[in-house]
PDB file of N, CA and C in Angstrom:
ATOM      1  N   MET A   1     -38.776 -25.365 -47.554  1.00  0.00           N
ATOM      2  CA  MET A   1     -37.544 -25.749 -46.882  1.00  0.00           C
ATOM      3  C   MET A   1     -37.804 -25.742 -45.371  1.00  0.00           C
ATOM      4  N   SER A   2     -37.373 -26.774 -44.692  1.00  0.00           N
ATOM      5  CA  SER A   2     -37.589 -26.903 -43.262  1.00  0.00           C
ATOM      6  C   SER A   2     -36.377 -26.378 -42.492  1.00  0.00           C
ATOM      7  N   THR A   3     -36.653 -25.739 -41.373  1.00  0.00           N
ATOM      8  CA  THR A   3     -35.576 -25.240 -40.509  1.00  0.00           C
ATOM      9  C   THR A   3     -35.585 -25.983 -39.179  1.00  0.00           C
ATOM     10  N   GLY A   4     -35.854 -27.251 -39.220  1.00  0.00           N
ATOM     11  CA  GLY A   4     -35.905 -28.041 -37.992  1.00  0.00           C
ATOM     12  C   GLY A   4     -37.335 -28.376 -37.656  1.00  0.00           C
ATOM     13  N   LEU A   5     -37.669 -28.318 -36.378  1.00  0.00           N
ATOM     14  CA  LEU A   5     -39.017 -28.662 -35.945  1.00  0.00           C
ATOM     15  C   LEU A   5     -40.007 -27.516 -36.137  1.00  0.00           C
ATOM     16  N   VAL A   6     -39.536 -26.366 -36.520  1.00  0.00           N
ATOM     17  CA  VAL A   6     -40.390 -25.183 -36.643  1.00  0.00           C
ATOM     18  C   VAL A   6     -40.823 -25.046 -38.099  1.00  0.00           C
ATOM     19  N   ASP A   7     -42.150 -25.004 -38.312  1.00  0.00           N
ATOM     20  CA  ASP A   7     -42.673 -24.805 -39.664  1.00  0.00           C
ATOM     21  C   ASP A   7     -43.204 -23.399 -39.869  1.00  0.00           C
ATOM     22  N   ASN A   8     -43.560 -22.722 -38.770  1.00  0.00           N
ATOM     23  CA  ASN A   8     -44.146 -21.408 -38.881  1.00  0.00           C
ATOM     24  C   ASN A   8     -43.499 -20.493 -37.846  1.00  0.00           C
ATOM     25  N   TRP A   9     -42.878 -19.427 -38.317  1.00  0.00           N
ATOM     26  CA  TRP A   9     -42.155 -18.506 -37.436  1.00  0.00           C
ATOM     27  C   TRP A   9     -43.007 -17.314 -37.005  1.00  0.00           C
ATOM     28  N   LEU A  10     -44.303 -17.347 -37.284  1.00  0.00           N
ATOM     29  CA  LEU A  10     -45.156 -16.204 -36.964  1.00  0.00           C
ATOM     30  C   LEU A  10     -45.509 -16.127 -35.479  1.00  0.00           C
ATOM     31  N   ASN A  11     -45.518 -17.217 -34.777  1.00  0.00           N
ATOM     32  CA  ASN A  11     -45.907 -17.222 -33.368  1.00  0.00           C
ATOM     33  C   ASN A  11     -44.680 -17.494 -32.497  1.00  0.00           C
ATOM     34  N   LEU A  12     -43.743 -16.594 -32.485  1.00  0.00           N
ATOM     35  CA  LEU A  12     -42.504 -16.788 -31.746  1.00  0.00           C
ATOM     36  C   LEU A  12     -42.704 -16.837 -30.243  1.00  0.00           C
ATOM     37  N   ASP A  13     -43.783 -16.224 -29.754  1.00  0.00           N
ATOM     38  CA  ASP A  13     -44.023 -16.224 -28.311  1.00  0.00           C
ATOM     39  C   ASP A  13     -44.405 -17.613 -27.781  1.00  0.00           C
ATOM     40  N   GLN A  14     -44.711 -18.543 -28.652  1.00  0.00           N
ATOM     41  CA  GLN A  14     -45.087 -19.886 -28.236  1.00  0.00           C
ATOM     42  C   GLN A  14     -43.899 -20.850 -28.183  1.00  0.00           C
ATOM     43  N   PHE A  15     -42.779 -20.413 -28.696  1.00  0.00           N
ATOM     44  CA  PHE A  15     -41.603 -21.284 -28.717  1.00  0.00           C
ATOM     45  C   PHE A  15     -40.838 -21.186 -27.407  1.00  0.00           C
ATOM     46  N   GLY A  16     -40.214 -22.275 -27.051  1.00  0.00           N
ATOM     47  CA  GLY A  16     -39.264 -22.251 -25.946  1.00  0.00           C
ATOM     48  C   GLY A  16     -37.880 -21.998 -26.530  1.00  0.00           C
ATOM     49  N   ALA A  17     -36.896 -22.498 -25.864  1.00  0.00           N
ATOM     50  CA  ALA A  17     -35.526 -22.349 -26.360  1.00  0.00           C
ATOM     51  C   ALA A  17     -35.339 -23.227 -27.596  1.00  0.00           C
ATOM     52  N   ILE A  18     -34.658 -22.701 -28.613  1.00  0.00           N
ATOM     53  CA  ILE A  18     -34.447 -23.461 -29.847  1.00  0.00           C
ATOM     54  C   ILE A  18     -32.965 -23.512 -30.213  1.00  0.00           C
ATOM     55  N   TYR A  19     -32.100 -23.532 -29.223  1.00  0.00           N
ATOM     56  CA  TYR A  19     -30.664 -23.639 -29.465  1.00  0.00           C
ATOM     57  C   TYR A  19     -30.195 -25.044 -29.080  1.00  0.00           C
ATOM     58  N   PRO A  20     -29.014 -25.430 -29.534  1.00  0.00           N
ATOM     59  CA  PRO A  20     -28.531 -26.790 -29.239  1.00  0.00           C
ATOM     60  C   PRO A  20     -28.281 -27.012 -27.751  1.00  0.00           C
ATOM     61  N   PHE A  21     -28.423 -28.235 -27.311  1.00  0.00           N
ATOM     62  CA  PHE A  21     -28.145 -28.683 -25.936  1.00  0.00           C
ATOM     63  C   PHE A  21     -28.992 -27.962 -24.892  1.00  0.00           C
ATOM     64  N   VAL A  22     -30.243 -27.742 -25.200  1.00  0.00           N
ATOM     65  CA  VAL A  22     -31.159 -27.108 -24.259  1.00  0.00           C
ATOM     66  C   VAL A  22     -31.276 -27.984 -23.017  1.00  0.00           C
ATOM     67  N   GLY A  23     -31.145 -27.380 -21.845  1.00  0.00           N
ATOM     68  CA  GLY A  23     -31.276 -28.095 -20.592  1.00  0.00           C
ATOM     69  C   GLY A  23     -29.954 -28.518 -19.980  1.00  0.00           C
ATOM     70  N   THR A  24     -28.861 -28.330 -20.694  1.00  0.00           N
ATOM     71  CA  THR A  24     -27.556 -28.741 -20.164  1.00  0.00           C
ATOM     72  C   THR A  24     -26.764 -27.555 -19.626  1.00  0.00           C
ATOM     73  N   GLU A  25     -27.394 -26.409 -19.494  1.00  0.00           N
ATOM     74  CA  GLU A  25     -26.674 -25.214 -19.062  1.00  0.00           C
ATOM     75  C   GLU A  25     -26.057 -25.397 -17.683  1.00  0.00           C
ATOM     76  N   GLY A  26     -26.816 -25.971 -16.755  1.00  0.00           N
ATOM     77  CA  GLY A  26     -26.303 -26.178 -15.394  1.00  0.00           C
ATOM     78  C   GLY A  26     -25.125 -27.127 -15.377  1.00  0.00           C
ATOM     79  N   LEU A  27     -25.245 -28.230 -16.106  1.00  0.00           N
ATOM     80  CA  LEU A  27     -24.167 -29.212 -16.172  1.00  0.00           C
ATOM     81  C   LEU A  27     -22.909 -28.610 -16.812  1.00  0.00           C
ATOM     82  N   LEU A  28     -23.102 -27.861 -17.892  1.00  0.00           N
ATOM     83  CA  LEU A  28     -21.958 -27.237 -18.550  1.00  0.00           C
ATOM     84  C   LEU A  28     -21.311 -26.161 -17.672  1.00  0.00           C
ATOM     85  N   THR A  29     -22.121 -25.447 -16.896  1.00  0.00           N
ATOM     86  CA  THR A  29     -21.575 -24.448 -15.975  1.00  0.00           C
ATOM     87  C   THR A  29     -20.731 -25.115 -14.900  1.00  0.00           C
ATOM     88  N   ILE A  30     -21.238 -26.208 -14.336  1.00  0.00           N
ATOM     89  CA  ILE A  30     -20.480 -26.938 -13.317  1.00  0.00           C
ATOM     90  C   ILE A  30     -19.186 -27.487 -13.901  1.00  0.00           C
ATOM     91  N   ALA A  31     -19.267 -28.066 -15.106  1.00  0.00           N
ATOM     92  CA  ALA A  31     -18.066 -28.591 -15.759  1.00  0.00           C
ATOM     93  C   ALA A  31     -17.058 -27.470 -16.023  1.00  0.00           C
ATOM     94  N   GLY A  32     -17.547 -26.310 -16.441  1.00  0.00           N
ATOM     95  CA  GLY A  32     -16.663 -25.172 -16.681  1.00  0.00           C
ATOM     96  C   GLY A  32     -15.987 -24.689 -15.412  1.00  0.00           C
ATOM     97  N   LEU A  33     -16.726 -24.638 -14.318  1.00  0.00           N
ATOM     98  CA  LEU A  33     -16.154 -24.206 -13.045  1.00  0.00           C
ATOM     99  C   LEU A  33     -15.106 -25.201 -12.541  1.00  0.00           C
ATOM    100  N   ILE A  34     -15.387 -26.497 -12.692  1.00  0.00           N
ATOM    101  CA  ILE A  34     -14.415 -27.509 -12.283  1.00  0.00           C
ATOM    102  C   ILE A  34     -13.149 -27.393 -13.124  1.00  0.00           C
ATOM    103  N   PHE A  35     -13.306 -27.214 -14.435  1.00  0.00           N
ATOM    104  CA  PHE A  35     -12.157 -27.043 -15.307  1.00  0.00           C
ATOM    105  C   PHE A  35     -11.358 -25.802 -14.926  1.00  0.00           C
ATOM    106  N   TRP A  36     -12.063 -24.692 -14.668  1.00  0.00           N
ATOM    107  CA  TRP A  36     -11.410 -23.430 -14.322  1.00  0.00           C
ATOM    108  C   TRP A  36     -10.629 -23.566 -13.017  1.00  0.00           C
ATOM    109  N   PHE A  37     -11.248 -24.167 -11.997  1.00  0.00           N
ATOM    110  CA  PHE A  37     -10.582 -24.352 -10.714  1.00  0.00           C
ATOM    111  C   PHE A  37      -9.393 -25.293 -10.855  1.00  0.00           C
ATOM    112  N   GLY A  38      -9.568 -26.389 -11.594  1.00  0.00           N
ATOM    113  CA  GLY A  38      -8.479 -27.337 -11.826  1.00  0.00           C
ATOM    114  C   GLY A  38      -7.309 -26.694 -12.541  1.00  0.00           C
ATOM    115  N   TRP A  39      -7.597 -25.841 -13.519  1.00  0.00           N
ATOM    116  CA  TRP A  39      -6.523 -25.157 -14.239  1.00  0.00           C
ATOM    117  C   TRP A  39      -5.732 -24.258 -13.290  1.00  0.00           C
ATOM    118  N   HIS A  40      -6.432 -23.560 -12.398  1.00  0.00           N
ATOM    119  CA  HIS A  40      -5.733 -22.686 -11.446  1.00  0.00           C
ATOM    120  C   HIS A  40      -4.837 -23.491 -10.507  1.00  0.00           C
ATOM    121  N   VAL A  41      -5.317 -24.631 -10.033  1.00  0.00           N
ATOM    122  CA  VAL A  41      -4.500 -25.484  -9.160  1.00  0.00           C
ATOM    123  C   VAL A  41      -3.273 -25.970  -9.920  1.00  0.00           C
ATOM    124  N   TRP A  42      -3.474 -26.464 -11.145  1.00  0.00           N
ATOM    125  CA  TRP A  42      -2.360 -26.958 -11.957  1.00  0.00           C
ATOM    126  C   TRP A  42      -1.357 -25.838 -12.240  1.00  0.00           C
ATOM    127  N   GLN A  43      -1.850 -24.655 -12.604  1.00  0.00           N
ATOM    128  CA  GLN A  43      -0.978 -23.524 -12.910  1.00  0.00           C
ATOM    129  C   GLN A  43      -0.179 -23.104 -11.680  1.00  0.00           C
ATOM    130  N   HIS A  44      -0.810 -23.100 -10.514  1.00  0.00           N
ATOM    131  CA  HIS A  44      -0.122 -22.737  -9.276  1.00  0.00           C
ATOM    132  C   HIS A  44       1.007 -23.719  -8.982  1.00  0.00           C
ATOM    133  N   GLN A  45       0.729 -25.001  -9.142  1.00  0.00           N
ATOM    134  CA  GLN A  45       1.761 -26.012  -8.896  1.00  0.00           C
ATOM    135  C   GLN A  45       2.920 -25.863  -9.875  1.00  0.00           C
ATOM    136  N   LYS A  46       2.605 -25.622 -11.130  1.00  0.00           N
ATOM    137  CA  LYS A  46       3.647 -25.469 -12.153  1.00  0.00           C
ATOM    138  C   LYS A  46       4.512 -24.243 -11.876  1.00  0.00           C
ATOM    139  N   GLU A  47       3.880 -23.135 -11.557  1.00  0.00           N
ATOM    140  CA  GLU A  47       4.634 -21.912 -11.293  1.00  0.00           C
ATOM    141  C   GLU A  47       5.439 -22.021 -10.002  1.00  0.00           C
ATOM    142  N   SER A  48       4.907 -22.713  -8.994  1.00  0.00           N
ATOM    143  CA  SER A  48       5.656 -22.909  -7.752  1.00  0.00           C
ATOM    144  C   SER A  48       6.903 -23.736  -8.000  1.00  0.00           C
ATOM    145  N   THR A  49       6.784 -24.786  -8.801  1.00  0.00           N
ATOM    146  CA  THR A  49       7.943 -25.614  -9.140  1.00  0.00           C
ATOM    147  C   THR A  49       8.987 -24.799  -9.891  1.00  0.00           C
ATOM    148  N   GLU A  50       8.536 -24.007 -10.850  1.00  0.00           N
ATOM    149  CA  GLU A  50       9.462 -23.168 -11.614  1.00  0.00           C
ATOM    150  C   GLU A  50      10.140 -22.137 -10.717  1.00  0.00           C
ATOM    151  N   PHE A  51       9.381 -21.550  -9.805  1.00  0.00           N
ATOM    152  CA  PHE A  51       9.937 -20.566  -8.883  1.00  0.00           C
ATOM    153  C   PHE A  51      10.978 -21.211  -7.969  1.00  0.00           C
ATOM    154  N   ASP A  52      10.668 -22.406  -7.454  1.00  0.00           N
ATOM    155  CA  ASP A  52      11.624 -23.126  -6.596  1.00  0.00           C
ATOM    156  C   ASP A  52      12.903 -23.458  -7.359  1.00  0.00           C
ATOM    157  N   ASN A  53      12.762 -23.850  -8.619  1.00  0.00           N
ATOM    158  CA  ASN A  53      13.946 -24.130  -9.448  1.00  0.00           C
ATOM    159  C   ASN A  53      14.783 -22.871  -9.664  1.00  0.00           C
ATOM    160  N   ASP A  54      14.117 -21.748  -9.884  1.00  0.00           N
ATOM    161  CA  ASP A  54      14.841 -20.482 -10.050  1.00  0.00           C
ATOM    162  C   ASP A  54      15.585 -20.103  -8.770  1.00  0.00           C
ATOM    163  N   LEU A  55      14.936 -20.276  -7.623  1.00  0.00           N
ATOM    164  CA  LEU A  55      15.599 -19.968  -6.354  1.00  0.00           C
ATOM    165  C   LEU A  55      16.813 -20.864  -6.127  1.00  0.00           C
ATOM    166  N   GLU A  56      16.674 -22.131  -6.449  1.00  0.00           N
ATOM    167  CA  GLU A  56      17.792 -23.070  -6.303  1.00  0.00           C
ATOM    168  C   GLU A  56      18.945 -22.676  -7.226  1.00  0.00           C
ATOM    169  N   ASN A  57      18.619 -22.255  -8.417  1.00  0.00           N
ATOM    170  CA  ASN A  57      19.634 -21.798  -9.377  1.00  0.00           C
ATOM    171  C   ASN A  57      20.367 -20.567  -8.846  1.00  0.00           C
ATOM    172  N   ILE A  58      19.624 -19.630  -8.273  1.00  0.00           N
ATOM    173  CA  ILE A  58      20.230 -18.419  -7.729  1.00  0.00           C
ATOM    174  C   ILE A  58      21.164 -18.765  -6.579  1.00  0.00           C
ATOM    175  N   LYS A  59      20.736 -19.687  -5.717  1.00  0.00           N
ATOM    176  CA  LYS A  59      21.580 -20.100  -4.591  1.00  0.00           C
ATOM    177  C   LYS A  59      22.868 -20.759  -5.085  1.00  0.00           C
ATOM    178  N   LYS A  60      22.772 -21.548  -6.150  1.00  0.00           N
ATOM    179  CA  LYS A  60      23.956 -22.208  -6.703  1.00  0.00           C
ATOM    180  C   LYS A  60      24.948 -21.204  -7.281  1.00  0.00           C
ATOM    181  N   GLN A  61      24.438 -20.061  -7.758  1.00  0.00           N
ATOM    182  CA  GLN A  61      25.293 -19.054  -8.369  1.00  0.00           C
ATOM    183  C   GLN A  61      25.865 -18.085  -7.345  1.00  0.00           C
ATOM    184  N   GLY A  62      25.533 -18.231  -6.097  1.00  0.00           N
ATOM    185  CA  GLY A  62      26.139 -17.407  -5.065  1.00  0.00           C
ATOM    186  C   GLY A  62      25.221 -16.386  -4.449  1.00  0.00           C
ATOM    187  N   GLY A  63      23.948 -16.444  -4.708  1.00  0.00           N
ATOM    188  CA  GLY A  63      22.998 -15.522  -4.097  1.00  0.00           C
ATOM    189  C   GLY A  63      22.519 -14.454  -5.057  1.00  0.00           C
ATOM    190  N   VAL A  64      21.578 -13.681  -4.571  1.00  0.00           N
ATOM    191  CA  VAL A  64      20.939 -12.661  -5.402  1.00  0.00           C
ATOM    192  C   VAL A  64      21.929 -11.589  -5.840  1.00  0.00           C
ATOM    193  N   GLY A  65      22.783 -11.150  -4.932  1.00  0.00           N
ATOM    194  CA  GLY A  65      23.743 -10.086  -5.256  1.00  0.00           C
ATOM    195  C   GLY A  65      24.662 -10.473  -6.399  1.00  0.00           C
ATOM    196  N   LYS A  66      25.187 -11.681  -6.376  1.00  0.00           N
ATOM    197  CA  LYS A  66      26.089 -12.123  -7.444  1.00  0.00           C
ATOM    198  C   LYS A  66      25.355 -12.236  -8.775  1.00  0.00           C
ATOM    199  N   VAL A  67      24.130 -12.732  -8.745  1.00  0.00           N
ATOM    200  CA  VAL A  67      23.360 -12.882  -9.979  1.00  0.00           C
ATOM    201  C   VAL A  67      23.069 -11.508 -10.585  1.00  0.00           C
ATOM    202  N   LEU A  68      22.659 -10.552  -9.745  1.00  0.00           N
ATOM    203  CA  LEU A  68      22.366  -9.210 -10.243  1.00  0.00           C
ATOM    204  C   LEU A  68      23.626  -8.525 -10.755  1.00  0.00           C
ATOM    205  N   GLU A  69      24.723  -8.726 -10.083  1.00  0.00           N
ATOM    206  CA  GLU A  69      25.993  -8.142 -10.519  1.00  0.00           C
ATOM    207  C   GLU A  69      26.407  -8.723 -11.871  1.00  0.00           C
ATOM    208  N   ALA A  70      26.288 -10.023 -12.020  1.00  0.00           N
ATOM    209  CA  ALA A  70      26.632 -10.660 -13.294  1.00  0.00           C
ATOM    210  C   ALA A  70      25.708 -10.178 -14.406  1.00  0.00           C
ATOM    211  N   GLU A  71      24.441 -10.028 -14.092  1.00  0.00           N
ATOM    212  CA  GLU A  71      23.481  -9.565 -15.094  1.00  0.00           C
ATOM    213  C   GLU A  71      23.771  -8.122 -15.511  1.00  0.00           C
ATOM    214  N   SER A  72      24.095  -7.250 -14.551  1.00  0.00           N
ATOM    215  CA  SER A  72      24.374  -5.858 -14.897  1.00  0.00           C
ATOM    216  C   SER A  72      25.659  -5.741 -15.707  1.00  0.00           C
ATOM    217  N   SER A  73      26.682  -6.529 -15.377  1.00  0.00           N
ATOM    218  CA  SER A  73      27.912  -6.468 -16.167  1.00  0.00           C
ATOM    219  C   SER A  73      27.678  -7.013 -17.568  1.00  0.00           C
ATOM    220  N   ARG A  74      26.822  -8.013 -17.700  1.00  0.00           N
ATOM    221  CA  ARG A  74      26.502  -8.561 -19.023  1.00  0.00           C
ATOM    222  C   ARG A  74      25.753  -7.517 -19.852  1.00  0.00           C
ATOM    223  N   GLU A  75      24.850  -6.773 -19.221  1.00  0.00           N
ATOM    224  CA  GLU A  75      24.124  -5.724 -19.932  1.00  0.00           C
ATOM    225  C   GLU A  75      25.055  -4.601 -20.340  1.00  0.00           C
ATOM    226  N   MET A  76      26.012  -4.254 -19.488  1.00  0.00           N
ATOM    227  CA  MET A  76      26.960  -3.196 -19.827  1.00  0.00           C
ATOM    228  C   MET A  76      27.808  -3.610 -21.031  1.00  0.00           C
ATOM    229  N   LYS A  77      28.230  -4.871 -21.086  1.00  0.00           N
ATOM    230  CA  LYS A  77      29.007  -5.365 -22.233  1.00  0.00           C
ATOM    231  C   LYS A  77      28.181  -5.315 -23.506  1.00  0.00           C
ATOM    232  N   ASP A  78      26.894  -5.641 -23.411  1.00  0.00           N
ATOM    233  CA  ASP A  78      26.045  -5.599 -24.582  1.00  0.00           C
ATOM    234  C   ASP A  78      25.834  -4.168 -25.056  1.00  0.00           C
ATOM    235  N   THR A  79      25.699  -3.229 -24.096  1.00  0.00           N
ATOM    236  CA  THR A  79      25.451  -1.836 -24.432  1.00  0.00           C
ATOM    237  C   THR A  79      26.718  -1.168 -24.987  1.00  0.00           C
ATOM    238  N   VAL A  80      27.844  -1.366 -24.319  1.00  0.00           N
ATOM    239  CA  VAL A  80      29.083  -0.693 -24.682  1.00  0.00           C
ATOM    240  C   VAL A  80      29.721  -1.334 -25.913  1.00  0.00           C
ATOM    241  N   GLY A  81      29.797  -2.571 -25.950  1.00  0.00           N
ATOM    242  CA  GLY A  81      30.532  -3.108 -27.088  1.00  0.00           C
ATOM    243  C   GLY A  81      30.287  -4.535 -27.268  1.00  0.00           C
TER     244      GLY A  81
END
């Protein structure tokens, strides 16, 4: 039974790398770094938009104090009855 290009496993010190995509490590590392950096940029933009929407919502409801007051009274109603 053949296991690829290797017929004899007794001289392992003579083999080079025998895993798939040998030689593409640098290219795959660069692609991974670009993907990682791009994801961070995209995530930052998405979270900034969501944060801006939340701030706009708070302003429409009358400011932070009113929102917190409404939230605490809602929690008290849930806790008490």
